[in-house]
Amino acid sequence: MMPLTMAKPGETVTIHKITGRDEVRQHLAELGFVVESDVTVISEIAGNLIVQVKESRIALDRGMANRIMI
């Protein structure tokens, strides 16, 4: 497993684990980041990511993206 920040733009990956406090995991789940779902990295700038989850594009900072393990 590795953090989402290691994925390259254009790559589609599957989430295996989400770390952090319960509030953080709940917030990410509400955005669509759940275990076994696919995420596509659209772009990466200075460690911050724009990803596509289901039908939505979401911007994540490096800290939040590091909590999502692929």
N, C-alpha and C. Protein backbone atom coordinates (compact mmCIF):
# COMPACT_ATOMS: atom_id res chain seq x y z
N MET A 1 0.84 -1.19 0.00
CA MET A 1 0.00 0.00 0.00
C MET A 1 0.88 1.25 0.00
N MET A 2 0.36 2.29 -0.61
CA MET A 2 1.06 3.57 -0.63
C MET A 2 0.02 4.69 -0.61
N PRO A 3 0.42 5.90 -0.22
CA PRO A 3 -0.55 7.00 -0.18
C PRO A 3 -0.97 7.45 -1.59
N LEU A 4 -2.12 8.07 -1.66
CA LEU A 4 -2.66 8.56 -2.94
C LEU A 4 -1.71 9.55 -3.60
N THR A 5 -0.90 10.25 -2.82
CA THR A 5 0.03 11.23 -3.39
C THR A 5 1.06 10.59 -4.31
N MET A 6 1.25 9.27 -4.22
CA MET A 6 2.22 8.57 -5.07
C MET A 6 1.65 8.23 -6.45
N ALA A 7 0.36 8.38 -6.65
CA ALA A 7 -0.26 8.07 -7.95
C ALA A 7 0.06 9.19 -8.94
N LYS A 8 0.24 8.82 -10.19
CA LYS A 8 0.56 9.77 -11.25
C LYS A 8 -0.72 10.30 -11.90
N PRO A 9 -0.67 11.53 -12.42
CA PRO A 9 -1.83 12.06 -13.15
C PRO A 9 -2.26 11.13 -14.28
N GLY A 10 -3.56 10.92 -14.40
CA GLY A 10 -4.11 10.03 -15.42
C GLY A 10 -4.30 8.61 -14.93
N GLU A 11 -3.74 8.28 -13.78
CA GLU A 11 -3.80 6.93 -13.24
C GLU A 11 -5.09 6.73 -12.45
N THR A 12 -5.73 5.58 -12.64
CA THR A 12 -6.90 5.20 -11.86
C THR A 12 -6.48 4.14 -10.85
N VAL A 13 -6.78 4.40 -9.58
CA VAL A 13 -6.36 3.50 -8.51
C VAL A 13 -7.55 3.14 -7.63
N THR A 14 -7.39 2.09 -6.83
CA THR A 14 -8.44 1.64 -5.92
C THR A 14 -8.03 1.93 -4.49
N ILE A 15 -8.95 2.49 -3.71
CA ILE A 15 -8.67 2.79 -2.30
C ILE A 15 -8.71 1.50 -1.50
N HIS A 16 -7.67 1.28 -0.67
CA HIS A 16 -7.61 0.08 0.16
C HIS A 16 -7.84 0.39 1.64
N LYS A 17 -7.48 1.62 2.06
CA LYS A 17 -7.60 1.97 3.48
C LYS A 17 -7.60 3.49 3.61
N ILE A 18 -8.32 3.99 4.61
CA ILE A 18 -8.31 5.42 4.90
C ILE A 18 -7.93 5.56 6.37
N THR A 19 -6.86 6.32 6.63
CA THR A 19 -6.37 6.49 7.99
C THR A 19 -6.81 7.84 8.55
N GLY A 20 -6.59 8.04 9.83
CA GLY A 20 -6.92 9.31 10.47
C GLY A 20 -8.01 9.15 11.50
N ARG A 21 -8.36 10.27 12.11
CA ARG A 21 -9.42 10.27 13.12
C ARG A 21 -10.77 9.95 12.49
N ASP A 22 -11.72 9.56 13.33
CA ASP A 22 -13.06 9.21 12.84
C ASP A 22 -13.69 10.36 12.06
N GLU A 23 -13.50 11.60 12.52
CA GLU A 23 -14.10 12.76 11.83
C GLU A 23 -13.54 12.91 10.43
N VAL A 24 -12.23 12.69 10.30
CA VAL A 24 -11.58 12.81 8.99
C VAL A 24 -12.08 11.72 8.05
N ARG A 25 -12.13 10.49 8.55
CA ARG A 25 -12.59 9.38 7.71
C ARG A 25 -14.05 9.58 7.31
N GLN A 26 -14.87 10.10 8.22
CA GLN A 26 -16.28 10.35 7.91
C GLN A 26 -16.40 11.42 6.83
N HIS A 27 -15.62 12.49 6.95
CA HIS A 27 -15.65 13.57 5.96
C HIS A 27 -15.25 13.06 4.57
N LEU A 28 -14.19 12.27 4.51
CA LEU A 28 -13.76 11.71 3.23
C LEU A 28 -14.82 10.76 2.66
N ALA A 29 -15.47 9.97 3.52
CA ALA A 29 -16.52 9.07 3.06
C ALA A 29 -17.69 9.86 2.46
N GLU A 30 -18.02 10.99 3.08
CA GLU A 30 -19.10 11.83 2.54
C GLU A 30 -18.75 12.41 1.19
N LEU A 31 -17.46 12.60 0.92
CA LEU A 31 -17.01 13.10 -0.38
C LEU A 31 -16.95 11.99 -1.43
N GLY A 32 -17.05 10.72 -0.98
CA GLY A 32 -17.04 9.60 -1.91
C GLY A 32 -15.80 8.73 -1.82
N PHE A 33 -14.90 9.06 -0.90
CA PHE A 33 -13.69 8.26 -0.73
C PHE A 33 -13.98 7.10 0.23
N VAL A 34 -14.34 5.96 -0.32
CA VAL A 34 -14.64 4.78 0.49
C VAL A 34 -13.77 3.62 0.00
N VAL A 35 -13.52 2.67 0.89
CA VAL A 35 -12.68 1.52 0.56
C VAL A 35 -13.28 0.76 -0.61
N GLU A 36 -12.41 0.30 -1.50
CA GLU A 36 -12.75 -0.46 -2.72
C GLU A 36 -13.35 0.41 -3.84
N SER A 37 -13.37 1.74 -3.67
CA SER A 37 -13.85 2.58 -4.77
C SER A 37 -12.65 3.03 -5.61
N ASP A 38 -12.90 3.37 -6.86
CA ASP A 38 -11.85 3.81 -7.78
C ASP A 38 -11.75 5.33 -7.77
N VAL A 39 -10.52 5.82 -7.87
CA VAL A 39 -10.23 7.25 -7.90
C VAL A 39 -9.27 7.49 -9.07
N THR A 40 -9.54 8.51 -9.85
CA THR A 40 -8.64 8.87 -10.95
C THR A 40 -7.96 10.19 -10.61
N VAL A 41 -6.64 10.20 -10.70
CA VAL A 41 -5.88 11.43 -10.45
C VAL A 41 -5.92 12.26 -11.73
N ILE A 42 -6.47 13.47 -11.64
CA ILE A 42 -6.58 14.36 -12.79
C ILE A 42 -5.30 15.17 -12.94
N SER A 43 -4.87 15.82 -11.86
CA SER A 43 -3.63 16.59 -11.90
C SER A 43 -3.02 16.69 -10.51
N GLU A 44 -1.73 17.08 -10.49
CA GLU A 44 -0.99 17.21 -9.24
C GLU A 44 -0.12 18.45 -9.33
N ILE A 45 -0.26 19.34 -8.34
CA ILE A 45 0.55 20.56 -8.29
C ILE A 45 1.10 20.70 -6.87
N ALA A 46 2.40 20.62 -6.72
CA ALA A 46 3.07 20.77 -5.41
C ALA A 46 2.52 19.81 -4.37
N GLY A 47 2.16 18.60 -4.77
CA GLY A 47 1.66 17.60 -3.82
C GLY A 47 0.17 17.65 -3.62
N ASN A 48 -0.49 18.73 -4.05
CA ASN A 48 -1.94 18.82 -3.95
C ASN A 48 -2.55 18.18 -5.18
N LEU A 49 -3.66 17.46 -4.98
CA LEU A 49 -4.24 16.68 -6.06
C LEU A 49 -5.63 17.15 -6.44
N ILE A 50 -5.95 17.00 -7.70
CA ILE A 50 -7.34 17.07 -8.16
C ILE A 50 -7.67 15.67 -8.62
N VAL A 51 -8.69 15.07 -8.02
CA VAL A 51 -9.06 13.69 -8.32
C VAL A 51 -10.52 13.61 -8.72
N GLN A 52 -10.83 12.56 -9.46
CA GLN A 52 -12.21 12.31 -9.83
C GLN A 52 -12.69 11.08 -9.06
N VAL A 53 -13.78 11.28 -8.32
CA VAL A 53 -14.40 10.20 -7.57
C VAL A 53 -15.83 10.12 -8.06
N LYS A 54 -16.19 8.98 -8.62
CA LYS A 54 -17.51 8.80 -9.23
C LYS A 54 -17.70 9.90 -10.27
N GLU A 55 -18.66 10.80 -10.10
CA GLU A 55 -18.92 11.83 -11.10
C GLU A 55 -18.42 13.21 -10.68
N SER A 56 -17.64 13.29 -9.60
CA SER A 56 -17.20 14.58 -9.06
C SER A 56 -15.69 14.73 -9.12
N ARG A 57 -15.24 15.97 -9.31
CA ARG A 57 -13.82 16.29 -9.20
C ARG A 57 -13.63 17.02 -7.89
N ILE A 58 -12.62 16.58 -7.13
CA ILE A 58 -12.38 17.11 -5.80
C ILE A 58 -10.91 17.45 -5.66
N ALA A 59 -10.63 18.61 -5.04
CA ALA A 59 -9.25 19.00 -4.76
C ALA A 59 -8.89 18.56 -3.34
N LEU A 60 -7.73 17.93 -3.20
CA LEU A 60 -7.24 17.48 -1.90
C LEU A 60 -5.85 18.04 -1.65
N ASP A 61 -5.62 18.52 -0.42
CA ASP A 61 -4.25 18.93 -0.10
C ASP A 61 -3.41 17.70 0.20
N ARG A 62 -2.10 17.90 0.29
CA ARG A 62 -1.17 16.79 0.48
C ARG A 62 -1.48 16.00 1.75
N GLY A 63 -1.82 16.69 2.85
CA GLY A 63 -2.10 16.02 4.11
C GLY A 63 -3.29 15.08 4.02
N MET A 64 -4.35 15.54 3.39
CA MET A 64 -5.55 14.72 3.25
C MET A 64 -5.29 13.55 2.29
N ALA A 65 -4.58 13.81 1.20
CA ALA A 65 -4.29 12.75 0.22
C ALA A 65 -3.38 11.68 0.83
N ASN A 66 -2.52 12.05 1.76
CA ASN A 66 -1.64 11.07 2.40
C ASN A 66 -2.41 10.12 3.30
N ARG A 67 -3.63 10.46 3.70
CA ARG A 67 -4.44 9.59 4.54
C ARG A 67 -5.16 8.50 3.74
N ILE A 68 -5.20 8.66 2.42
CA ILE A 68 -5.89 7.70 1.56
C ILE A 68 -4.85 6.73 1.00
N MET A 69 -4.95 5.47 1.38
CA MET A 69 -3.98 4.47 0.96
C MET A 69 -4.52 3.67 -0.22
N ILE A 70 -3.66 3.52 -1.24
CA ILE A 70 -4.07 2.80 -2.46
C ILE A 70 -3.24 1.54 -2.62
